[in-house]
């Protein structure tokens, strides 16, 4: 379903960007969505459901299903598929949908 770009295409795609995912440094590229960066780093889940703690990951990749909710820089309920990575971004897996403060 998803395909990585060839090395030449990756180099042209964007500059390297460093983010943190659940406390671990992850390298990605400018222009990547948070969901793409998570997939590239070997992660396939963004959140756990409140009922039964079932892991959920990006599904529709177009902002409709809300299965890719993560906490970004302390702000919960951010859609990983619709948010581009930024240098120094801190991303955390979240449990269910959270009340926005």
C-alpha atoms as a PDB file:
ATOM      1  CA  UNK A   1       0.000   0.000   0.000  1.00  0.00           C
ATOM      2  CA  UNK A   2       2.826   2.420   0.872  1.00  0.00           C
ATOM      3  CA  UNK A   3       6.102   2.659  -0.990  1.00  0.00           C
ATOM      4  CA  UNK A   4       9.338   4.379   0.045  1.00  0.00           C
ATOM      5  CA  UNK A   5      10.967   6.734  -2.442  1.00  0.00           C
ATOM      6  CA  UNK A   6      14.205   5.735  -4.151  1.00  0.00           C
ATOM      7  CA  UNK A   7      17.368   7.354  -2.706  1.00  0.00           C
ATOM      8  CA  UNK A   8      17.583  10.022  -5.453  1.00  0.00           C
ATOM      9  CA  UNK A   9      13.916  10.917  -4.960  1.00  0.00           C
ATOM     10  CA  UNK A  10      14.415  11.081  -1.167  1.00  0.00           C
ATOM     11  CA  UNK A  11      17.299  13.500  -1.489  1.00  0.00           C
ATOM     12  CA  UNK A  12      15.197  15.761  -3.691  1.00  0.00           C
ATOM     13  CA  UNK A  13      12.134  15.443  -1.439  1.00  0.00           C
ATOM     14  CA  UNK A  14      13.300  17.536   1.483  1.00  0.00           C
ATOM     15  CA  UNK A  15      15.978  18.404   3.965  1.00  0.00           C
ATOM     16  CA  UNK A  16      16.580  16.126   6.948  1.00  0.00           C
ATOM     17  CA  UNK A  17      14.468  16.935  10.001  1.00  0.00           C
ATOM     18  CA  UNK A  18      14.953  15.567  13.542  1.00  0.00           C
ATOM     19  CA  UNK A  19      11.899  14.858  15.672  1.00  0.00           C
ATOM     20  CA  UNK A  20      11.306  12.961  18.909  1.00  0.00           C
ATOM     21  CA  UNK A  21       8.764  10.143  19.080  1.00  0.00           C
ATOM     22  CA  UNK A  22       7.965   8.770  22.536  1.00  0.00           C
ATOM     23  CA  UNK A  23      11.338   9.983  23.768  1.00  0.00           C
ATOM     24  CA  UNK A  24      13.403   8.560  20.898  1.00  0.00           C
ATOM     25  CA  UNK A  25      15.085  10.666  18.207  1.00  0.00           C
ATOM     26  CA  UNK A  26      13.756   9.978  14.706  1.00  0.00           C
ATOM     27  CA  UNK A  27      15.173  11.274  11.431  1.00  0.00           C
ATOM     28  CA  UNK A  28      12.713  12.194   8.696  1.00  0.00           C
ATOM     29  CA  UNK A  29      12.433  14.677   5.826  1.00  0.00           C
ATOM     30  CA  UNK A  30      10.874  18.090   5.456  1.00  0.00           C
ATOM     31  CA  UNK A  31       7.492  17.649   3.816  1.00  0.00           C
ATOM     32  CA  UNK A  32       6.790  14.285   5.474  1.00  0.00           C
ATOM     33  CA  UNK A  33       3.578  13.962   7.419  1.00  0.00           C
ATOM     34  CA  UNK A  34       3.891  12.835  11.014  1.00  0.00           C
ATOM     35  CA  UNK A  35       2.186   9.573   9.977  1.00  0.00           C
ATOM     36  CA  UNK A  36       4.783   8.983   7.237  1.00  0.00           C
ATOM     37  CA  UNK A  37       7.587   9.674   9.717  1.00  0.00           C
ATOM     38  CA  UNK A  38       6.064   7.188  12.171  1.00  0.00           C
ATOM     39  CA  UNK A  39       5.797   4.503   9.469  1.00  0.00           C
ATOM     40  CA  UNK A  40       9.372   5.178   8.305  1.00  0.00           C
ATOM     41  CA  UNK A  41      10.643   4.753  11.869  1.00  0.00           C
ATOM     42  CA  UNK A  42       8.953   1.347  12.166  1.00  0.00           C
ATOM     43  CA  UNK A  43       5.947   2.448  14.202  1.00  0.00           C
ATOM     44  CA  UNK A  44       2.480   1.489  13.033  1.00  0.00           C
ATOM     45  CA  UNK A  45       0.350   2.719  15.947  1.00  0.00           C
ATOM     46  CA  UNK A  46      -0.408   6.301  16.971  1.00  0.00           C
ATOM     47  CA  UNK A  47      -2.796   5.796  19.840  1.00  0.00           C
ATOM     48  CA  UNK A  48      -4.489   3.182  21.996  1.00  0.00           C
ATOM     49  CA  UNK A  49      -8.243   3.021  22.391  1.00  0.00           C
ATOM     50  CA  UNK A  50      -9.678   3.764  25.824  1.00  0.00           C
ATOM     51  CA  UNK A  51     -11.622   0.510  25.749  1.00  0.00           C
ATOM     52  CA  UNK A  52      -9.287  -2.520  25.746  1.00  0.00           C
ATOM     53  CA  UNK A  53      -6.148  -0.448  24.910  1.00  0.00           C
ATOM     54  CA  UNK A  54      -6.248  -1.595  21.276  1.00  0.00           C
ATOM     55  CA  UNK A  55      -3.520   0.070  19.179  1.00  0.00           C
ATOM     56  CA  UNK A  56      -4.752   2.208  16.289  1.00  0.00           C
ATOM     57  CA  UNK A  57      -2.736   3.583  13.399  1.00  0.00           C
ATOM     58  CA  UNK A  58      -3.263   5.730  10.339  1.00  0.00           C
ATOM     59  CA  UNK A  59      -6.043   4.287   8.214  1.00  0.00           C
ATOM     60  CA  UNK A  60      -7.493   6.708   5.691  1.00  0.00           C
ATOM     61  CA  UNK A  61      -4.442   9.036   5.412  1.00  0.00           C
ATOM     62  CA  UNK A  62      -6.716  11.952   4.489  1.00  0.00           C
ATOM     63  CA  UNK A  63      -8.005  13.251   7.819  1.00  0.00           C
ATOM     64  CA  UNK A  64     -11.406  11.555   7.901  1.00  0.00           C
ATOM     65  CA  UNK A  65     -11.132   8.611  10.299  1.00  0.00           C
ATOM     66  CA  UNK A  66      -9.216  10.139  13.257  1.00  0.00           C
ATOM     67  CA  UNK A  67      -7.407   6.870  13.968  1.00  0.00           C
ATOM     68  CA  UNK A  68      -4.040   8.652  13.785  1.00  0.00           C
ATOM     69  CA  UNK A  69      -4.474  11.003  16.757  1.00  0.00           C
ATOM     70  CA  UNK A  70      -1.219  11.829  18.555  1.00  0.00           C
ATOM     71  CA  UNK A  71       0.000  14.419  21.027  1.00  0.00           C
ATOM     72  CA  UNK A  72       2.341  16.924  19.367  1.00  0.00           C
ATOM     73  CA  UNK A  73       4.354  19.321  21.510  1.00  0.00           C
ATOM     74  CA  UNK A  74       1.934  18.755  24.393  1.00  0.00           C
ATOM     75  CA  UNK A  75      -1.214  19.344  22.311  1.00  0.00           C
ATOM     76  CA  UNK A  76      -3.461  16.248  22.131  1.00  0.00           C
ATOM     77  CA  UNK A  77      -5.736  15.097  19.304  1.00  0.00           C
ATOM     78  CA  UNK A  78      -3.489  16.146  16.417  1.00  0.00           C
ATOM     79  CA  UNK A  79      -3.991  14.154  13.230  1.00  0.00           C
ATOM     80  CA  UNK A  80      -0.683  12.568  12.254  1.00  0.00           C
ATOM     81  CA  UNK A  81      -1.725  12.170   8.619  1.00  0.00           C
ATOM     82  CA  UNK A  82      -2.563  15.866   8.222  1.00  0.00           C
ATOM     83  CA  UNK A  83       0.364  17.416  10.117  1.00  0.00           C
ATOM     84  CA  UNK A  84       3.781  18.006   8.561  1.00  0.00           C
ATOM     85  CA  UNK A  85       6.879  17.354  10.627  1.00  0.00           C
ATOM     86  CA  UNK A  86       8.898  20.305  11.902  1.00  0.00           C
ATOM     87  CA  UNK A  87      12.390  20.441  13.342  1.00  0.00           C
ATOM     88  CA  UNK A  88      12.400  19.550  17.048  1.00  0.00           C
ATOM     89  CA  UNK A  89       8.777  18.380  17.108  1.00  0.00           C
ATOM     90  CA  UNK A  90       7.915  16.140  20.080  1.00  0.00           C
ATOM     91  CA  UNK A  91       5.347  13.452  19.265  1.00  0.00           C
ATOM     92  CA  UNK A  92       3.758  11.130  21.819  1.00  0.00           C
ATOM     93  CA  UNK A  93       1.420   8.184  21.409  1.00  0.00           C
ATOM     94  CA  UNK A  94      -1.860   8.955  23.120  1.00  0.00           C
ATOM     95  CA  UNK A  95      -4.560   6.917  24.814  1.00  0.00           C
ATOM     96  CA  UNK A  96      -7.945   7.576  23.255  1.00  0.00           C
ATOM     97  CA  UNK A  97      -9.164  11.051  22.366  1.00  0.00           C
ATOM     98  CA  UNK A  98      -8.305  13.586  25.047  1.00  0.00           C
ATOM     99  CA  UNK A  99     -10.052  16.662  26.230  1.00  0.00           C
ATOM    100  CA  UNK A 100      -8.376  19.685  24.686  1.00  0.00           C
ATOM    101  CA  UNK A 101      -7.133  22.091  27.326  1.00  0.00           C
END
